[in-house]
Amino acid sequence: MNEGITVELPPELIKLSGLSPELLQVKNLLIWVLELYSEGKVTLSKAAELLSIPTDKFLEEFYKRRLKRVGGPQSIEEAEEDFGIAQRGNQGS
């Protein structure tokens, strides 16, 4: 079952963002998923999947905003996956 919601924003806020409605929707989704990941409500791989982006790109967005994750990995496999992604990201720097 697919459900969606509509969020109404004040016109002034939309104007201040300088974004088209489409880009504003993408940015809002990104912020929401970053928050869910930060709270430990979704895994790294699920967060990236929700946004249809690679996990390393999601981590870039997460750390660019200096966010911290409240929960930890839910399994050894998830911890190893997160570590591997972080290692590959550091090698590209």
Protein backbone atom coordinates (compact mmCIF):
# COMPACT_ATOMS: atom_id res chain seq x y z
CA MET A 1 0.00 0.00 0.00
CA ASN A 2 1.45 3.33 -1.07
CA GLU A 3 0.40 6.33 0.91
CA GLY A 4 1.50 9.90 0.54
CA ILE A 5 0.90 13.13 2.31
CA THR A 6 0.70 16.70 1.18
CA VAL A 7 2.46 19.37 3.18
CA GLU A 8 1.36 22.93 2.74
CA LEU A 9 4.05 25.55 3.15
CA PRO A 10 3.51 29.27 3.47
CA PRO A 11 4.16 31.04 0.15
CA GLU A 12 6.78 33.22 1.85
CA LEU A 13 8.75 30.15 2.90
CA ILE A 14 8.61 28.72 -0.61
CA LYS A 15 9.81 32.03 -2.02
CA LEU A 16 12.63 32.28 0.55
CA SER A 17 13.84 28.78 -0.37
CA GLY A 18 14.43 29.87 -3.96
CA LEU A 19 13.61 26.34 -5.07
CA SER A 20 11.10 25.06 -7.55
CA PRO A 21 8.28 22.98 -6.03
CA GLU A 22 9.93 19.83 -7.39
CA LEU A 23 13.34 20.61 -5.86
CA LEU A 24 11.70 21.68 -2.61
CA GLN A 25 9.96 18.29 -2.46
CA VAL A 26 13.27 16.48 -3.02
CA LYS A 27 14.98 18.56 -0.33
CA ASN A 28 12.16 17.98 2.15
CA LEU A 29 12.36 14.23 1.59
CA LEU A 30 16.14 14.33 2.09
CA ILE A 31 15.79 16.23 5.36
CA TRP A 32 13.10 13.88 6.61
CA VAL A 33 15.14 10.76 5.83
CA LEU A 34 18.28 12.31 7.37
CA GLU A 35 16.26 12.87 10.54
CA LEU A 36 14.96 9.28 10.57
CA TYR A 37 18.50 7.95 10.11
CA SER A 38 19.84 10.27 12.80
CA GLU A 39 17.22 8.95 15.23
CA GLY A 40 18.13 5.36 14.41
CA LYS A 41 14.70 4.65 12.91
CA VAL A 42 16.09 3.49 9.54
CA THR A 43 19.33 1.81 8.56
CA LEU A 44 21.90 3.39 6.30
CA SER A 45 20.95 1.15 3.40
CA LYS A 46 17.22 1.82 3.90
CA ALA A 47 17.80 5.59 4.07
CA ALA A 48 19.72 5.53 0.80
CA GLU A 49 17.07 3.30 -0.76
CA LEU A 50 14.27 5.69 0.27
CA LEU A 51 16.11 8.50 -1.52
CA SER A 52 17.21 6.36 -4.48
CA ILE A 53 20.84 7.37 -3.96
CA PRO A 54 24.01 5.38 -3.21
CA THR A 55 24.82 4.94 0.48
CA ASP A 56 28.06 6.90 0.18
CA LYS A 57 26.15 9.90 -1.22
CA PHE A 58 23.69 9.65 1.67
CA LEU A 59 26.57 9.63 4.17
CA GLU A 60 28.04 12.70 2.45
CA GLU A 61 24.76 14.54 2.97
CA PHE A 62 24.54 13.32 6.57
CA TYR A 63 28.05 14.36 7.58
CA LYS A 64 27.96 17.58 5.56
CA ARG A 65 25.24 18.73 7.96
CA ARG A 66 27.30 17.62 11.01
CA LEU A 67 24.50 15.34 12.16
CA LYS A 68 25.00 12.59 14.71
CA ARG A 69 23.28 9.23 14.85
CA VAL A 70 21.46 8.40 18.07
CA GLY A 71 21.21 4.63 17.64
CA GLY A 72 23.77 2.22 16.47
CA PRO A 73 23.67 -0.57 13.93
CA GLN A 74 21.09 -3.25 14.65
CA SER A 75 23.35 -6.15 13.64
CA ILE A 76 26.98 -7.05 13.04
CA GLU A 77 26.27 -7.13 9.32
CA GLU A 78 24.88 -3.59 9.40
CA ALA A 79 27.91 -2.36 11.38
CA GLU A 80 30.28 -4.01 8.92
CA GLU A 81 28.38 -2.51 5.97
CA ASP A 82 28.45 0.97 7.53
CA PHE A 83 32.17 0.62 8.27
CA GLY A 84 32.93 -0.54 4.73
CA ILE A 85 31.01 2.37 3.22
CA ALA A 86 32.80 4.84 5.49
CA GLN A 87 36.19 3.34 4.62
CA ARG A 88 35.51 3.59 0.88
CA GLY A 89 34.36 7.19 1.35
CA ASN A 90 37.56 8.10 3.19
CA GLN A 91 39.71 6.59 0.45
CA GLY A 92 38.08 8.92 -2.09
CA SER A 93 39.00 12.05 -0.08
